[in-house]
Amino acid sequence: ALALGCVHAQLGASLCTPHLPQSVALLHTLARDSHDAVRESAIHALFLIADSAGGAFDTHIRPTMSLVTSLLLTDSAAGADQPDGVRRAAMRLVRATLGAISPELSRSASE
């Protein structure tokens, strides 16, 4: 999962845009895995993709935000806490999706 995010981040939006739907779908599936390490890696890879894709990530914002909400709320409702790494990766992903919506929002969120 992490390697996929790194490839997207290194190649940039212009080269990776054709592969974006498949990559995001795969990482969404991996983010629902029961193993925390897999989940954290997939969420971090989604962050890398969202951060590097910018506006090309627009169509994936709603499903990604639903995924993050689902992951964080499902475990909370069950009485289990997300590991810190998963929580941090989820917050980075939220910040990157804000950047895909508007770069101004991303800058103000990091200040």
N, C-alpha and C. Protein backbone atom coordinates (compact mmCIF):
# COMPACT_ATOMS: atom_id res chain seq x y z
N ALA A 1 0.83 -1.18 0.00
CA ALA A 1 0.00 0.00 0.00
C ALA A 1 0.87 1.25 0.00
N LEU A 2 1.85 1.26 0.85
CA LEU A 2 2.70 2.43 0.97
C LEU A 2 3.49 2.67 -0.31
N ALA A 3 3.94 1.60 -0.95
CA ALA A 3 4.69 1.73 -2.20
C ALA A 3 3.83 2.39 -3.28
N LEU A 4 2.56 2.04 -3.33
CA LEU A 4 1.65 2.63 -4.31
C LEU A 4 1.53 4.14 -4.08
N GLY A 5 1.39 4.56 -2.85
CA GLY A 5 1.32 5.97 -2.53
C GLY A 5 2.61 6.69 -2.89
N CYS A 6 3.74 6.05 -2.64
CA CYS A 6 5.04 6.66 -2.97
C CYS A 6 5.22 6.82 -4.47
N VAL A 7 4.78 5.83 -5.24
CA VAL A 7 4.87 5.93 -6.70
C VAL A 7 4.05 7.11 -7.20
N HIS A 8 2.82 7.23 -6.71
CA HIS A 8 1.98 8.37 -7.11
C HIS A 8 2.62 9.70 -6.72
N ALA A 9 3.17 9.76 -5.52
CA ALA A 9 3.77 11.01 -5.04
C ALA A 9 4.99 11.38 -5.88
N GLN A 10 5.79 10.40 -6.26
CA GLN A 10 7.01 10.68 -7.02
C GLN A 10 6.71 11.04 -8.48
N LEU A 11 5.74 10.35 -9.08
CA LEU A 11 5.45 10.60 -10.50
C LEU A 11 4.59 11.83 -10.70
N GLY A 12 3.77 12.16 -9.72
CA GLY A 12 2.93 13.35 -9.84
C GLY A 12 1.60 13.08 -10.50
N ALA A 13 0.77 14.10 -10.46
CA ALA A 13 -0.62 13.97 -10.93
C ALA A 13 -0.71 13.68 -12.42
N SER A 14 0.11 14.33 -13.21
CA SER A 14 -0.05 14.19 -14.66
C SER A 14 0.19 12.76 -15.14
N LEU A 15 1.13 12.06 -14.57
CA LEU A 15 1.42 10.69 -14.99
C LEU A 15 0.51 9.66 -14.32
N CYS A 16 0.02 9.97 -13.14
CA CYS A 16 -0.74 8.97 -12.38
C CYS A 16 -2.25 9.11 -12.47
N THR A 17 -2.74 10.21 -13.03
CA THR A 17 -4.18 10.43 -13.09
C THR A 17 -4.94 9.27 -13.74
N PRO A 18 -4.44 8.66 -14.83
CA PRO A 18 -5.19 7.54 -15.41
C PRO A 18 -5.34 6.35 -14.45
N HIS A 19 -4.43 6.21 -13.52
CA HIS A 19 -4.44 5.08 -12.58
C HIS A 19 -5.10 5.42 -11.25
N LEU A 20 -5.51 6.66 -11.09
CA LEU A 20 -6.05 7.13 -9.82
C LEU A 20 -7.26 6.34 -9.33
N PRO A 21 -8.28 6.08 -10.17
CA PRO A 21 -9.45 5.35 -9.66
C PRO A 21 -9.12 3.96 -9.12
N GLN A 22 -8.27 3.23 -9.84
CA GLN A 22 -7.91 1.88 -9.38
C GLN A 22 -7.08 1.92 -8.11
N SER A 23 -6.15 2.87 -8.04
CA SER A 23 -5.30 2.98 -6.86
C SER A 23 -6.12 3.35 -5.63
N VAL A 24 -7.02 4.32 -5.78
CA VAL A 24 -7.84 4.74 -4.65
C VAL A 24 -8.77 3.61 -4.21
N ALA A 25 -9.36 2.89 -5.16
CA ALA A 25 -10.25 1.78 -4.80
C ALA A 25 -9.49 0.69 -4.04
N LEU A 26 -8.29 0.37 -4.49
CA LEU A 26 -7.48 -0.64 -3.81
C LEU A 26 -7.13 -0.19 -2.39
N LEU A 27 -6.73 1.07 -2.25
CA LEU A 27 -6.36 1.56 -0.92
C LEU A 27 -7.56 1.68 0.00
N HIS A 28 -8.73 1.99 -0.54
CA HIS A 28 -9.94 2.00 0.29
C HIS A 28 -10.20 0.60 0.85
N THR A 29 -10.01 -0.40 0.02
CA THR A 29 -10.21 -1.79 0.47
C THR A 29 -9.19 -2.15 1.56
N LEU A 30 -7.94 -1.79 1.34
CA LEU A 30 -6.91 -2.09 2.33
C LEU A 30 -7.10 -1.31 3.62
N ALA A 31 -7.67 -0.12 3.53
CA ALA A 31 -7.90 0.69 4.74
C ALA A 31 -8.95 0.06 5.64
N ARG A 32 -9.75 -0.85 5.12
CA ARG A 32 -10.77 -1.54 5.93
C ARG A 32 -10.26 -2.85 6.51
N ASP A 33 -8.99 -3.15 6.29
CA ASP A 33 -8.39 -4.38 6.80
C ASP A 33 -8.41 -4.38 8.33
N SER A 34 -8.43 -5.56 8.90
CA SER A 34 -8.50 -5.65 10.37
C SER A 34 -7.15 -5.42 11.04
N HIS A 35 -6.06 -5.47 10.31
CA HIS A 35 -4.73 -5.26 10.88
C HIS A 35 -4.39 -3.78 10.86
N ASP A 36 -4.02 -3.26 12.02
CA ASP A 36 -3.73 -1.83 12.16
C ASP A 36 -2.61 -1.35 11.25
N ALA A 37 -1.57 -2.16 11.08
CA ALA A 37 -0.44 -1.74 10.25
C ALA A 37 -0.86 -1.59 8.78
N VAL A 38 -1.69 -2.50 8.31
CA VAL A 38 -2.18 -2.42 6.93
C VAL A 38 -3.07 -1.20 6.78
N ARG A 39 -3.94 -1.00 7.75
CA ARG A 39 -4.85 0.15 7.72
C ARG A 39 -4.08 1.46 7.72
N GLU A 40 -3.10 1.58 8.60
CA GLU A 40 -2.31 2.81 8.67
C GLU A 40 -1.55 3.06 7.37
N SER A 41 -0.94 2.01 6.80
CA SER A 41 -0.21 2.16 5.54
C SER A 41 -1.13 2.59 4.41
N ALA A 42 -2.31 2.00 4.34
CA ALA A 42 -3.26 2.35 3.27
C ALA A 42 -3.74 3.78 3.41
N ILE A 43 -4.03 4.20 4.63
CA ILE A 43 -4.49 5.58 4.85
C ILE A 43 -3.37 6.57 4.53
N HIS A 44 -2.15 6.23 4.92
CA HIS A 44 -1.02 7.12 4.61
C HIS A 44 -0.80 7.18 3.09
N ALA A 45 -0.94 6.05 2.41
CA ALA A 45 -0.80 6.04 0.95
C ALA A 45 -1.89 6.89 0.30
N LEU A 46 -3.10 6.84 0.83
CA LEU A 46 -4.18 7.71 0.33
C LEU A 46 -3.82 9.18 0.54
N PHE A 47 -3.22 9.49 1.67
CA PHE A 47 -2.75 10.85 1.93
C PHE A 47 -1.73 11.28 0.87
N LEU A 48 -0.75 10.42 0.58
CA LEU A 48 0.27 10.75 -0.41
C LEU A 48 -0.36 11.00 -1.78
N ILE A 49 -1.34 10.16 -2.13
CA ILE A 49 -2.00 10.31 -3.43
C ILE A 49 -2.82 11.59 -3.47
N ALA A 50 -3.60 11.84 -2.43
CA ALA A 50 -4.43 13.05 -2.40
C ALA A 50 -3.56 14.29 -2.42
N ASP A 51 -2.46 14.26 -1.70
CA ASP A 51 -1.56 15.40 -1.62
C ASP A 51 -0.90 15.68 -2.96
N SER A 52 -0.49 14.65 -3.67
CA SER A 52 0.20 14.85 -4.94
C SER A 52 -0.76 15.05 -6.11
N ALA A 53 -1.97 14.51 -6.02
CA ALA A 53 -2.92 14.61 -7.14
C ALA A 53 -3.61 15.97 -7.20
N GLY A 54 -3.76 16.62 -6.06
CA GLY A 54 -4.41 17.93 -6.04
C GLY A 54 -5.84 17.85 -6.57
N GLY A 55 -6.15 18.69 -7.54
CA GLY A 55 -7.50 18.76 -8.10
C GLY A 55 -7.97 17.49 -8.77
N ALA A 56 -7.04 16.64 -9.22
CA ALA A 56 -7.42 15.37 -9.85
C ALA A 56 -8.07 14.43 -8.83
N PHE A 57 -7.91 14.72 -7.55
CA PHE A 57 -8.48 13.88 -6.50
C PHE A 57 -9.94 14.24 -6.20
N ASP A 58 -10.45 15.29 -6.83
CA ASP A 58 -11.81 15.80 -6.56
C ASP A 58 -12.88 14.72 -6.52
N THR A 59 -12.89 13.84 -7.49
CA THR A 59 -13.95 12.82 -7.55
C THR A 59 -13.83 11.78 -6.45
N HIS A 60 -12.71 11.75 -5.77
CA HIS A 60 -12.49 10.75 -4.72
C HIS A 60 -12.65 11.32 -3.31
N ILE A 61 -12.95 12.61 -3.22
CA ILE A 61 -13.03 13.24 -1.91
C ILE A 61 -14.17 12.68 -1.07
N ARG A 62 -15.36 12.64 -1.63
CA ARG A 62 -16.52 12.17 -0.86
C ARG A 62 -16.35 10.73 -0.37
N PRO A 63 -15.98 9.77 -1.25
CA PRO A 63 -15.78 8.40 -0.74
C PRO A 63 -14.65 8.30 0.28
N THR A 64 -13.61 9.10 0.11
CA THR A 64 -12.49 9.06 1.04
C THR A 64 -12.89 9.61 2.40
N MET A 65 -13.62 10.71 2.40
CA MET A 65 -14.08 11.27 3.68
C MET A 65 -15.07 10.31 4.36
N SER A 66 -15.91 9.65 3.60
CA SER A 66 -16.81 8.64 4.17
C SER A 66 -16.02 7.50 4.79
N LEU A 67 -14.95 7.09 4.11
CA LEU A 67 -14.09 6.03 4.63
C LEU A 67 -13.47 6.44 5.96
N VAL A 68 -12.90 7.64 6.01
CA VAL A 68 -12.26 8.11 7.25
C VAL A 68 -13.28 8.19 8.38
N THR A 69 -14.43 8.76 8.08
CA THR A 69 -15.49 8.87 9.09
C THR A 69 -15.90 7.50 9.59
N SER A 70 -16.10 6.59 8.65
CA SER A 70 -16.50 5.23 9.01
C SER A 70 -15.46 4.54 9.89
N LEU A 71 -14.20 4.66 9.50
CA LEU A 71 -13.14 4.01 10.29
C LEU A 71 -13.05 4.57 11.70
N LEU A 72 -13.10 5.88 11.81
CA LEU A 72 -12.95 6.49 13.13
C LEU A 72 -14.18 6.29 14.01
N LEU A 73 -15.36 6.35 13.44
CA LEU A 73 -16.58 6.22 14.24
C LEU A 73 -16.94 4.78 14.56
N THR A 74 -16.65 3.86 13.65
CA THR A 74 -16.99 2.46 13.89
C THR A 74 -16.25 1.92 15.10
N ASP A 75 -14.95 2.16 15.15
CA ASP A 75 -14.18 1.67 16.29
C ASP A 75 -14.56 2.38 17.58
N SER A 76 -14.88 3.66 17.48
CA SER A 76 -15.29 4.41 18.68
C SER A 76 -16.61 3.87 19.23
N ALA A 77 -17.54 3.56 18.34
CA ALA A 77 -18.85 3.05 18.76
C ALA A 77 -18.71 1.66 19.39
N ALA A 78 -17.72 0.90 18.93
CA ALA A 78 -17.52 -0.44 19.48
C ALA A 78 -16.73 -0.41 20.78
N GLY A 79 -16.32 0.78 21.21
CA GLY A 79 -15.57 0.89 22.45
C GLY A 79 -14.09 0.69 22.28
N ALA A 80 -13.64 0.54 21.04
CA ALA A 80 -12.21 0.37 20.78
C ALA A 80 -11.65 1.67 20.23
N ASP A 81 -10.45 1.98 20.60
CA ASP A 81 -9.80 3.18 20.09
C ASP A 81 -8.91 2.82 18.92
N GLN A 82 -8.84 3.74 17.98
CA GLN A 82 -7.90 3.57 16.88
C GLN A 82 -6.49 3.78 17.43
N PRO A 83 -5.53 3.03 16.95
CA PRO A 83 -4.14 3.30 17.34
C PRO A 83 -3.76 4.71 16.89
N ASP A 84 -2.82 5.31 17.59
CA ASP A 84 -2.40 6.67 17.29
C ASP A 84 -1.94 6.83 15.84
N GLY A 85 -1.24 5.85 15.31
CA GLY A 85 -0.76 5.93 13.93
C GLY A 85 -1.89 6.01 12.93
N VAL A 86 -2.94 5.24 13.15
CA VAL A 86 -4.09 5.27 12.25
C VAL A 86 -4.79 6.62 12.36
N ARG A 87 -4.95 7.11 13.56
CA ARG A 87 -5.61 8.39 13.78
C ARG A 87 -4.82 9.54 13.13
N ARG A 88 -3.51 9.53 13.31
CA ARG A 88 -2.66 10.57 12.71
C ARG A 88 -2.72 10.50 11.18
N ALA A 89 -2.65 9.29 10.63
CA ALA A 89 -2.73 9.13 9.18
C ALA A 89 -4.07 9.63 8.66
N ALA A 90 -5.14 9.36 9.39
CA ALA A 90 -6.47 9.82 8.99
C ALA A 90 -6.54 11.34 8.98
N MET A 91 -5.94 11.98 9.96
CA MET A 91 -5.97 13.45 10.01
C MET A 91 -5.13 14.06 8.89
N ARG A 92 -4.01 13.43 8.55
CA ARG A 92 -3.22 13.91 7.41
C ARG A 92 -4.02 13.77 6.12
N LEU A 93 -4.76 12.67 6.00
CA LEU A 93 -5.59 12.46 4.82
C LEU A 93 -6.69 13.52 4.73
N VAL A 94 -7.29 13.86 5.84
CA VAL A 94 -8.32 14.92 5.85
C VAL A 94 -7.70 16.23 5.39
N ARG A 95 -6.51 16.56 5.88
CA ARG A 95 -5.84 17.79 5.47
C ARG A 95 -5.54 17.79 3.97
N ALA A 96 -5.11 16.65 3.44
CA ALA A 96 -4.81 16.56 2.00
C ALA A 96 -6.07 16.70 1.16
N THR A 97 -7.19 16.16 1.64
CA THR A 97 -8.43 16.31 0.88
C THR A 97 -8.90 17.76 0.91
N LEU A 98 -8.65 18.46 2.01
CA LEU A 98 -8.94 19.90 2.04
C LEU A 98 -8.10 20.63 1.00
N GLY A 99 -6.87 20.20 0.85
CA GLY A 99 -5.99 20.80 -0.16
C GLY A 99 -6.47 20.53 -1.57
N ALA A 100 -7.09 19.37 -1.79
CA ALA A 100 -7.64 19.06 -3.11
C ALA A 100 -8.85 19.94 -3.41
N ILE A 101 -9.62 20.27 -2.38
CA ILE A 101 -10.78 21.13 -2.56
C ILE A 101 -10.31 22.56 -2.82
N SER A 102 -9.39 23.03 -1.98
CA SER A 102 -8.91 24.41 -2.10
C SER A 102 -7.55 24.51 -1.42
N PRO A 103 -6.54 24.91 -2.16
CA PRO A 103 -5.21 25.06 -1.54
C PRO A 103 -5.20 26.04 -0.36
N GLU A 104 -6.09 27.03 -0.38
CA GLU A 104 -6.14 27.98 0.72
C GLU A 104 -6.58 27.30 2.02
N LEU A 105 -7.53 26.36 1.90
CA LEU A 105 -7.98 25.63 3.09
C LEU A 105 -6.85 24.79 3.67
N SER A 106 -6.07 24.19 2.81
CA SER A 106 -4.97 23.35 3.26
C SER A 106 -3.93 24.17 4.00
N ARG A 107 -3.61 25.34 3.49
CA ARG A 107 -2.61 26.19 4.14
C ARG A 107 -3.10 26.66 5.50
N SER A 108 -4.37 27.05 5.60
CA SER A 108 -4.87 27.54 6.88
C SER A 108 -5.02 26.41 7.89
N ALA A 109 -5.25 25.17 7.43
CA ALA A 109 -5.37 24.03 8.34
C ALA A 109 -4.02 23.66 8.94
N SER A 110 -2.94 23.93 8.21
CA SER A 110 -1.61 23.55 8.72
C SER A 110 -1.00 24.63 9.60
N GLU A 111 -1.59 25.81 9.64
CA GLU A 111 -1.03 26.90 10.45
C GLU A 111 -1.46 26.80 11.89
